[in-house]
PDB file of all heavy atoms in Angstrom:
ATOM      1  N   PRO A   1     117.102 132.829 106.812  1.00  0.00           N
ATOM      2  CA  PRO A   1     117.397 131.721 105.876  1.00  0.00           C
ATOM      3  C   PRO A   1     117.095 130.357 106.496  1.00  0.00           C
ATOM      4  O   PRO A   1     117.354 130.111 107.669  1.00  0.00           O
ATOM      5  CB  PRO A   1     118.904 131.886 105.602  1.00  0.00           C
ATOM      6  CG  PRO A   1     119.215 133.292 105.971  1.00  0.00           C
ATOM      7  CD  PRO A   1     118.282 133.653 107.093  1.00  0.00           C
ATOM      8  N   SER A   2     116.524 129.492 105.680  1.00  0.00           N
ATOM      9  CA  SER A   2     116.169 128.154 106.150  1.00  0.00           C
ATOM     10  C   SER A   2     116.310 127.163 105.003  1.00  0.00           C
ATOM     11  O   SER A   2     116.030 127.493 103.844  1.00  0.00           O
ATOM     12  CB  SER A   2     114.732 128.145 106.678  1.00  0.00           C
ATOM     13  OG  SER A   2     114.307 126.828 106.973  1.00  0.00           O
ATOM     14  N   PHE A   3     116.744 125.963 105.347  1.00  0.00           N
ATOM     15  CA  PHE A   3     116.871 124.886 104.365  1.00  0.00           C
ATOM     16  C   PHE A   3     115.682 123.934 104.402  1.00  0.00           C
ATOM     17  O   PHE A   3     115.771 122.823 103.875  1.00  0.00           O
ATOM     18  CB  PHE A   3     118.172 124.104 104.594  1.00  0.00           C
ATOM     19  CG  PHE A   3     119.405 124.837 104.158  1.00  0.00           C
ATOM     20  CD1 PHE A   3     120.122 125.611 105.065  1.00  0.00           C
ATOM     21  CD2 PHE A   3     119.840 124.774 102.847  1.00  0.00           C
ATOM     22  CE1 PHE A   3     121.261 126.290 104.666  1.00  0.00           C
ATOM     23  CE2 PHE A   3     120.968 125.446 102.438  1.00  0.00           C
ATOM     24  CZ  PHE A   3     121.686 126.215 103.350  1.00  0.00           C
ATOM     25  N   ASP A   4     114.585 124.370 105.008  1.00  0.00           N
ATOM     26  CA  ASP A   4     113.404 123.507 105.071  1.00  0.00           C
ATOM     27  C   ASP A   4     112.874 123.175 103.685  1.00  0.00           C
ATOM     28  O   ASP A   4     112.413 122.046 103.433  1.00  0.00           O
ATOM     29  CB  ASP A   4     112.311 124.191 105.895  1.00  0.00           C
ATOM     30  CG  ASP A   4     112.678 124.312 107.374  1.00  0.00           C
ATOM     31  OD1 ASP A   4     113.588 123.566 107.803  1.00  0.00           O
ATOM     32  OD2 ASP A   4     112.089 125.145 108.076  1.00  0.00           O
ATOM     33  N   ALA A   5     112.919 124.151 102.762  1.00  0.00           N
ATOM     34  CA  ALA A   5     112.425 123.904 101.410  1.00  0.00           C
ATOM     35  C   ALA A   5     113.295 122.865 100.701  1.00  0.00           C
ATOM     36  O   ALA A   5     112.790 122.047  99.929  1.00  0.00           O
ATOM     37  CB  ALA A   5     112.398 125.207 100.619  1.00  0.00           C
ATOM     38  N   TRP A   6     114.593 122.885 100.955  1.00  0.00           N
ATOM     39  CA  TRP A   6     115.497 121.907 100.353  1.00  0.00           C
ATOM     40  C   TRP A   6     115.180 120.501 100.872  1.00  0.00           C
ATOM     41  O   TRP A   6     115.160 119.540 100.091  1.00  0.00           O
ATOM     42  CB  TRP A   6     116.943 122.268 100.670  1.00  0.00           C
ATOM     43  CG  TRP A   6     117.434 123.501  99.983  1.00  0.00           C
ATOM     44  CD1 TRP A   6     116.996 124.785 100.202  1.00  0.00           C
ATOM     45  CD2 TRP A   6     118.424 123.585  98.966  1.00  0.00           C
ATOM     46  NE1 TRP A   6     117.670 125.660  99.389  1.00  0.00           N
ATOM     47  CE2 TRP A   6     118.564 124.952  98.627  1.00  0.00           C
ATOM     48  CE3 TRP A   6     119.222 122.654  98.327  1.00  0.00           C
ATOM     49  CZ2 TRP A   6     119.464 125.399  97.665  1.00  0.00           C
ATOM     50  CZ3 TRP A   6     120.132 123.080  97.367  1.00  0.00           C
ATOM     51  CH2 TRP A   6     120.242 124.439  97.045  1.00  0.00           C
ATOM     52  N   ILE A   7     114.955 120.410 102.172  1.00  0.00           N
ATOM     53  CA  ILE A   7     114.639 119.102 102.757  1.00  0.00           C
ATOM     54  C   ILE A   7     113.320 118.582 102.203  1.00  0.00           C
ATOM     55  O   ILE A   7     113.195 117.397 101.858  1.00  0.00           O
ATOM     56  CB  ILE A   7     114.594 119.217 104.292  1.00  0.00           C
ATOM     57  CG1 ILE A   7     115.977 119.611 104.834  1.00  0.00           C
ATOM     58  CG2 ILE A   7     114.127 117.907 104.918  1.00  0.00           C
ATOM     59  CD1 ILE A   7     115.986 119.910 106.323  1.00  0.00           C
ATOM     60  N   LYS A   8     112.335 119.472 102.090  1.00  0.00           N
ATOM     61  CA  LYS A   8     111.045 119.044 101.569  1.00  0.00           C
ATOM     62  C   LYS A   8     111.144 118.652 100.107  1.00  0.00           C
ATOM     63  O   LYS A   8     110.532 117.665  99.672  1.00  0.00           O
ATOM     64  CB  LYS A   8     110.014 120.159 101.743  1.00  0.00           C
ATOM     65  CG  LYS A   8     108.614 119.758 101.330  1.00  0.00           C
ATOM     66  CD  LYS A   8     107.588 120.818 101.676  1.00  0.00           C
ATOM     67  CE  LYS A   8     106.189 120.353 101.303  1.00  0.00           C
ATOM     68  NZ  LYS A   8     105.152 121.357 101.639  1.00  0.00           N
ATOM     69  N   ALA A   9     111.924 119.416  99.323  1.00  0.00           N
ATOM     70  CA  ALA A   9     112.083 119.075  97.905  1.00  0.00           C
ATOM     71  C   ALA A   9     112.757 117.723  97.742  1.00  0.00           C
ATOM     72  O   ALA A   9     112.411 116.945  96.845  1.00  0.00           O
ATOM     73  CB  ALA A   9     112.895 120.166  97.200  1.00  0.00           C
ATOM     74  N   TRP A  10     113.685 117.414  98.608  1.00  0.00           N
ATOM     75  CA  TRP A  10     114.431 116.167  98.493  1.00  0.00           C
ATOM     76  C   TRP A  10     113.617 114.950  98.921  1.00  0.00           C
ATOM     77  O   TRP A  10     113.687 113.901  98.273  1.00  0.00           O
ATOM     78  CB  TRP A  10     115.699 116.258  99.331  1.00  0.00           C
ATOM     79  CG  TRP A  10     116.541 115.021  99.316  1.00  0.00           C
ATOM     80  CD1 TRP A  10     116.676 114.095 100.303  1.00  0.00           C
ATOM     81  CD2 TRP A  10     117.360 114.566  98.237  1.00  0.00           C
ATOM     82  NE1 TRP A  10     117.541 113.105  99.926  1.00  0.00           N
ATOM     83  CE2 TRP A  10     117.984 113.360  98.656  1.00  0.00           C
ATOM     84  CE3 TRP A  10     117.645 115.049  96.968  1.00  0.00           C
ATOM     85  CZ2 TRP A  10     118.850 112.645  97.849  1.00  0.00           C
ATOM     86  CZ3 TRP A  10     118.522 114.337  96.150  1.00  0.00           C
ATOM     87  CH2 TRP A  10     119.109 113.152  96.594  1.00  0.00           C
ATOM     88  N   SER A  11     112.802 115.096  99.969  1.00  0.00           N
ATOM     89  CA  SER A  11     112.172 113.901 100.542  1.00  0.00           C
ATOM     90  C   SER A  11     110.650 113.956 100.637  1.00  0.00           C
ATOM     91  O   SER A  11     110.027 112.919 100.914  1.00  0.00           O
ATOM     92  CB  SER A  11     112.725 113.653 101.959  1.00  0.00           C
ATOM     93  OG  SER A  11     112.483 114.774 102.796  1.00  0.00           O
ATOM     94  N   GLN A  12     110.031 115.139 100.396  1.00  0.00           N
ATOM     95  CA  GLN A  12     108.591 115.215 100.598  1.00  0.00           C
ATOM     96  C   GLN A  12     107.831 115.889  99.462  1.00  0.00           C
ATOM     97  O   GLN A  12     106.596 115.958  99.516  1.00  0.00           O
ATOM     98  CB  GLN A  12     108.295 115.986 101.894  1.00  0.00           C
ATOM     99  CG  GLN A  12     108.894 115.363 103.135  1.00  0.00           C
ATOM    100  CD  GLN A  12     108.680 116.221 104.370  1.00  0.00           C
ATOM    101  OE1 GLN A  12     107.856 117.134 104.375  1.00  0.00           O
ATOM    102  NE2 GLN A  12     109.437 115.941 105.418  1.00  0.00           N
ATOM    103  N   ALA A  13     108.497 116.400  98.466  1.00  0.00           N
ATOM    104  CA  ALA A  13     107.803 117.084  97.372  1.00  0.00           C
ATOM    105  C   ALA A  13     106.887 116.112  96.644  1.00  0.00           C
ATOM    106  O   ALA A  13     107.209 114.929  96.471  1.00  0.00           O
ATOM    107  CB  ALA A  13     108.807 117.696  96.402  1.00  0.00           C
ATOM    108  N   CYS A  14     105.738 116.614  96.215  1.00  0.00           N
ATOM    109  CA  CYS A  14     104.724 115.764  95.601  1.00  0.00           C
ATOM    110  C   CYS A  14     104.785 115.844  94.084  1.00  0.00           C
ATOM    111  O   CYS A  14     104.841 116.936  93.508  1.00  0.00           O
ATOM    112  CB  CYS A  14     103.329 116.186  96.062  1.00  0.00           C
ATOM    113  SG  CYS A  14     103.033 115.950  97.835  1.00  0.00           S
ATOM    114  N   THR A  15     104.782 114.696  93.452  1.00  0.00           N
ATOM    115  CA  THR A  15     104.627 114.597  92.006  1.00  0.00           C
ATOM    116  C   THR A  15     103.309 113.874  91.758  1.00  0.00           C
ATOM    117  O   THR A  15     103.257 112.652  91.716  1.00  0.00           O
ATOM    118  CB  THR A  15     105.797 113.829  91.381  1.00  0.00           C
ATOM    119  OG1 THR A  15     105.869 112.526  91.972  1.00  0.00           O
ATOM    120  CG2 THR A  15     107.112 114.542  91.612  1.00  0.00           C
ATOM    121  N   GLY A  16     102.258 114.669  91.623  1.00  0.00           N
ATOM    122  CA  GLY A  16     100.934 114.064  91.567  1.00  0.00           C
ATOM    123  C   GLY A  16     100.509 113.625  92.961  1.00  0.00           C
ATOM    124  O   GLY A  16     100.515 114.413  93.910  1.00  0.00           O
ATOM    125  N   LEU A  17     100.163 112.362  93.109  1.00  0.00           N
ATOM    126  CA  LEU A  17      99.757 111.816  94.402  1.00  0.00           C
ATOM    127  C   LEU A  17     100.921 111.202  95.161  1.00  0.00           C
ATOM    128  O   LEU A  17     100.758 110.763  96.304  1.00  0.00           O
ATOM    129  CB  LEU A  17      98.661 110.762  94.209  1.00  0.00           C
ATOM    130  CG  LEU A  17      97.366 111.265  93.567  1.00  0.00           C
ATOM    131  CD1 LEU A  17      96.398 110.102  93.377  1.00  0.00           C
ATOM    132  CD2 LEU A  17      96.724 112.368  94.414  1.00  0.00           C
ATOM    133  N   ASN A  18     102.090 111.150  94.549  1.00  0.00           N
ATOM    134  CA  ASN A  18     103.266 110.570  95.184  1.00  0.00           C
ATOM    135  C   ASN A  18     104.078 111.688  95.832  1.00  0.00           C
ATOM    136  O   ASN A  18     104.524 112.620  95.154  1.00  0.00           O
ATOM    137  CB  ASN A  18     104.103 109.824  94.135  1.00  0.00           C
ATOM    138  CG  ASN A  18     105.267 109.087  94.760  1.00  0.00           C
ATOM    139  OD1 ASN A  18     105.402 109.043  95.977  1.00  0.00           O
ATOM    140  ND2 ASN A  18     106.120 108.514  93.930  1.00  0.00           N
ATOM    141  N   CYS A  19     104.294 111.619  97.131  1.00  0.00           N
ATOM    142  CA  CYS A  19     104.993 112.678  97.873  1.00  0.00           C
ATOM    143  C   CYS A  19     106.267 112.138  98.520  1.00  0.00           C
ATOM    144  O   CYS A  19     106.467 112.239  99.736  1.00  0.00           O
ATOM    145  CB  CYS A  19     104.072 113.286  98.921  1.00  0.00           C
ATOM    146  SG  CYS A  19     102.624 114.135  98.244  1.00  0.00           S
ATOM    147  N   GLU A  20     107.118 111.545  97.717  1.00  0.00           N
ATOM    148  CA  GLU A  20     108.382 110.993  98.218  1.00  0.00           C
ATOM    149  C   GLU A  20     109.576 111.858  97.873  1.00  0.00           C
ATOM    150  O   GLU A  20     110.717 111.459  98.099  1.00  0.00           O
ATOM    151  CB  GLU A  20     108.594 109.589  97.648  1.00  0.00           C
ATOM    152  CG  GLU A  20     107.541 108.588  98.099  1.00  0.00           C
ATOM    153  CD  GLU A  20     107.800 107.201  97.525  1.00  0.00           C
ATOM    154  OE1 GLU A  20     108.760 107.074  96.731  1.00  0.00           O
ATOM    155  OE2 GLU A  20     107.069 106.263  97.873  1.00  0.00           O
ATOM    156  N   GLY A  21     109.371 113.044  97.309  1.00  0.00           N
ATOM    157  CA  GLY A  21     110.491 113.909  96.968  1.00  0.00           C
ATOM    158  C   GLY A  21     111.159 113.491  95.671  1.00  0.00           C
ATOM    159  O   GLY A  21     110.774 112.515  95.022  1.00  0.00           O
ATOM    160  N   ILE A  22     112.204 114.257  95.303  1.00  0.00           N
ATOM    161  CA  ILE A  22     112.879 114.000  94.030  1.00  0.00           C
ATOM    162  C   ILE A  22     114.116 113.124  94.179  1.00  0.00           C
ATOM    163  O   ILE A  22     114.825 112.894  93.191  1.00  0.00           O
ATOM    164  CB  ILE A  22     113.277 115.329  93.347  1.00  0.00           C
ATOM    165  CG1 ILE A  22     114.253 116.108  94.232  1.00  0.00           C
ATOM    166  CG2 ILE A  22     112.051 116.168  93.027  1.00  0.00           C
ATOM    167  CD1 ILE A  22     114.820 117.323  93.543  1.00  0.00           C
ATOM    168  N   HIS A  23     114.369 112.624  95.401  1.00  0.00           N
ATOM    169  CA  HIS A  23     115.537 111.758  95.554  1.00  0.00           C
ATOM    170  C   HIS A  23     115.365 110.460  94.784  1.00  0.00           C
ATOM    171  O   HIS A  23     116.350 109.861  94.338  1.00  0.00           O
ATOM    172  CB  HIS A  23     115.802 111.472  97.035  1.00  0.00           C
ATOM    173  CG  HIS A  23     114.829 110.518  97.660  1.00  0.00           C
ATOM    174  ND1 HIS A  23     113.562 110.899  98.082  1.00  0.00           N
ATOM    175  CD2 HIS A  23     114.929 109.187  97.919  1.00  0.00           C
ATOM    176  CE1 HIS A  23     112.946 109.854  98.589  1.00  0.00           C
ATOM    177  NE2 HIS A  23     113.737 108.795  98.504  1.00  0.00           N
ATOM    178  N   VAL A  24     114.110 110.017  94.619  1.00  0.00           N
ATOM    179  CA  VAL A  24     113.870 108.815  93.816  1.00  0.00           C
ATOM    180  C   VAL A  24     114.268 109.062  92.367  1.00  0.00           C
ATOM    181  O   VAL A  24     114.878 108.211  91.710  1.00  0.00           O
ATOM    182  CB  VAL A  24     112.393 108.396  93.914  1.00  0.00           C
ATOM    183  CG1 VAL A  24     112.124 107.173  93.043  1.00  0.00           C
ATOM    184  CG2 VAL A  24     112.005 108.115  95.360  1.00  0.00           C
ATOM    185  N   GLY A  25     113.942 110.234  91.859  1.00  0.00           N
ATOM    186  CA  GLY A  25     114.332 110.566  90.495  1.00  0.00           C
ATOM    187  C   GLY A  25     115.829 110.660  90.324  1.00  0.00           C
ATOM    188  O   GLY A  25     116.364 110.301  89.268  1.00  0.00           O
ATOM    189  N   MET A  26     116.553 111.131  91.354  1.00  0.00           N
ATOM    190  CA  MET A  26     118.016 111.190  91.257  1.00  0.00           C
ATOM    191  C   MET A  26     118.609 109.789  91.143  1.00  0.00           C
ATOM    192  O   MET A  26     119.520 109.556  90.340  1.00  0.00           O
ATOM    193  CB  MET A  26     118.607 111.915  92.461  1.00  0.00           C
ATOM    194  CG  MET A  26     120.136 111.876  92.503  1.00  0.00           C
ATOM    195  SD  MET A  26     120.883 112.953  93.735  1.00  0.00           S
ATOM    196  CE  MET A  26     120.824 114.525  92.881  1.00  0.00           C
ATOM    197  N   LEU A  27     118.093 108.849  91.918  1.00  0.00           N
ATOM    198  CA  LEU A  27     118.581 107.472  91.822  1.00  0.00           C
ATOM    199  C   LEU A  27     118.315 106.894  90.434  1.00  0.00           C
ATOM    200  O   LEU A  27     119.178 106.224  89.846  1.00  0.00           O
ATOM    201  CB  LEU A  27     117.923 106.608  92.894  1.00  0.00           C
ATOM    202  CG  LEU A  27     118.261 106.954  94.353  1.00  0.00           C
ATOM    203  CD1 LEU A  27     117.460 106.069  95.305  1.00  0.00           C
ATOM    204  CD2 LEU A  27     119.746 106.807  94.609  1.00  0.00           C
ATOM    205  N   ASN A  28     117.137 107.176  89.896  1.00  0.00           N
ATOM    206  CA  ASN A  28     116.836 106.704  88.538  1.00  0.00           C
ATOM    207  C   ASN A  28     117.752 107.360  87.509  1.00  0.00           C
ATOM    208  O   ASN A  28     118.202 106.703  86.565  1.00  0.00           O
ATOM    209  CB  ASN A  28     115.373 106.996  88.202  1.00  0.00           C
ATOM    210  CG  ASN A  28     114.401 106.157  89.012  1.00  0.00           C
ATOM    211  OD1 ASN A  28     114.730 105.059  89.446  1.00  0.00           O
ATOM    212  ND2 ASN A  28     113.201 106.679  89.212  1.00  0.00           N
ATOM    213  N   SER A  29     118.037 108.648  87.685  1.00  0.00           N
ATOM    214  CA  SER A  29     118.919 109.344  86.751  1.00  0.00           C
ATOM    215  C   SER A  29     120.323 108.746  86.772  1.00  0.00           C
ATOM    216  O   SER A  29     120.966 108.608  85.733  1.00  0.00           O
ATOM    217  CB  SER A  29     118.975 110.838  87.093  1.00  0.00           C
ATOM    218  OG  SER A  29     117.733 111.469  86.861  1.00  0.00           O
ATOM    219  N   ILE A  30     120.795 108.394  87.958  1.00  0.00           N
ATOM    220  CA  ILE A  30     122.121 107.781  88.066  1.00  0.00           C
ATOM    221  C   ILE A  30     122.136 106.411  87.399  1.00  0.00           C
ATOM    222  O   ILE A  30     123.098 106.054  86.693  1.00  0.00           O
ATOM    223  CB  ILE A  30     122.541 107.686  89.549  1.00  0.00           C
ATOM    224  CG1 ILE A  30     122.755 109.089  90.120  1.00  0.00           C
ATOM    225  CG2 ILE A  30     123.807 106.851  89.693  1.00  0.00           C
ATOM    226  CD1 ILE A  30     123.031 109.098  91.609  1.00  0.00           C
ATOM    227  N   LYS A  31     121.064 105.639  87.603  1.00  0.00           N
ATOM    228  CA  LYS A  31     120.978 104.323  86.968  1.00  0.00           C
ATOM    229  C   LYS A  31     120.962 104.438  85.443  1.00  0.00           C
ATOM    230  O   LYS A  31     121.472 103.553  84.743  1.00  0.00           O
ATOM    231  CB  LYS A  31     119.718 103.598  87.430  1.00  0.00           C
ATOM    232  CG  LYS A  31     119.718 103.210  88.900  1.00  0.00           C
ATOM    233  CD  LYS A  31     118.397 102.560  89.286  1.00  0.00           C
ATOM    234  CE  LYS A  31     118.337 102.235  90.773  1.00  0.00           C
ATOM    235  NZ  LYS A  31     117.029 101.638  91.145  1.00  0.00           N
ATOM    236  N   ILE A  32     120.369 105.504  84.935  1.00  0.00           N
ATOM    237  CA  ILE A  32     120.339 105.715  83.485  1.00  0.00           C
ATOM    238  C   ILE A  32     121.666 106.281  82.994  1.00  0.00           C
ATOM    239  O   ILE A  32     122.180 105.882  81.943  1.00  0.00           O
ATOM    240  CB  ILE A  32     119.179 106.660  83.114  1.00  0.00           C
ATOM    241  CG1 ILE A  32     117.836 105.999  83.425  1.00  0.00           C
ATOM    242  CG2 ILE A  32     119.242 107.064  81.648  1.00  0.00           C
ATOM    243  CD1 ILE A  32     116.647 106.942  83.315  1.00  0.00           C
ATOM    244  N   LEU A  33     122.238 107.197  83.767  1.00  0.00           N
ATOM    245  CA  LEU A  33     123.419 107.942  83.315  1.00  0.00           C
ATOM    246  C   LEU A  33     124.649 107.064  83.157  1.00  0.00           C
ATOM    247  O   LEU A  33     125.303 107.083  82.103  1.00  0.00           O
ATOM    248  CB  LEU A  33     123.699 109.071  84.310  1.00  0.00           C
ATOM    249  CG  LEU A  33     124.951 109.910  84.039  1.00  0.00           C
ATOM    250  CD1 LEU A  33     124.757 110.776  82.811  1.00  0.00           C
ATOM    251  CD2 LEU A  33     125.293 110.770  85.254  1.00  0.00           C
ATOM    252  N   ILE A  34     124.982 106.303  84.180  1.00  0.00           N
ATOM    253  CA  ILE A  34     126.272 105.600  84.191  1.00  0.00           C
ATOM    254  C   ILE A  34     126.395 104.601  83.036  1.00  0.00           C
ATOM    255  O   ILE A  34     127.363 104.668  82.261  1.00  0.00           O
ATOM    256  CB  ILE A  34     126.484 104.916  85.554  1.00  0.00           C
ATOM    257  CG1 ILE A  34     126.641 105.977  86.644  1.00  0.00           C
ATOM    258  CG2 ILE A  34     127.714 104.007  85.520  1.00  0.00           C
ATOM    259  CD1 ILE A  34     126.772 105.414  88.046  1.00  0.00           C
ATOM    260  N   PRO A  35     125.462 103.674  82.841  1.00  0.00           N
ATOM    261  CA  PRO A  35     125.632 102.750  81.708  1.00  0.00           C
ATOM    262  C   PRO A  35     125.516 103.445  80.356  1.00  0.00           C
ATOM    263  O   PRO A  35     126.184 103.047  79.402  1.00  0.00           O
ATOM    264  CB  PRO A  35     124.508 101.725  81.910  1.00  0.00           C
ATOM    265  CG  PRO A  35     123.513 102.399  82.770  1.00  0.00           C
ATOM    266  CD  PRO A  35     124.274 103.324  83.653  1.00  0.00           C
ATOM    267  N   SER A  36     124.688 104.497  80.251  1.00  0.00           N
ATOM    268  CA  SER A  36     124.547 105.194  78.969  1.00  0.00           C
ATOM    269  C   SER A  36     125.855 105.862  78.571  1.00  0.00           C
ATOM    270  O   SER A  36     126.270 105.794  77.406  1.00  0.00           O
ATOM    271  CB  SER A  36     123.425 106.237  79.057  1.00  0.00           C
ATOM    272  OG  SER A  36     122.180 105.644  79.333  1.00  0.00           O
ATOM    273  N   VAL A  37     126.519 106.507  79.515  1.00  0.00           N
ATOM    274  CA  VAL A  37     127.790 107.177  79.213  1.00  0.00           C
ATOM    275  C   VAL A  37     128.866 106.158  78.850  1.00  0.00           C
ATOM    276  O   VAL A  37     129.595 106.318  77.859  1.00  0.00           O
ATOM    277  CB  VAL A  37     128.233 108.035  80.413  1.00  0.00           C
ATOM    278  CG1 VAL A  37     129.646 108.562  80.204  1.00  0.00           C
ATOM    279  CG2 VAL A  37     127.265 109.194  80.618  1.00  0.00           C
TER     280      VAL A  37
END
């Protein structure tokens, strides 16, 4: 067992040519979620 895939998904996964992971999307989701709720 290894958490390397989790680390890569969080900080290095590629969405097209952008390889910054999905942590950027989580921050955007939080910015959308809190005021909307």
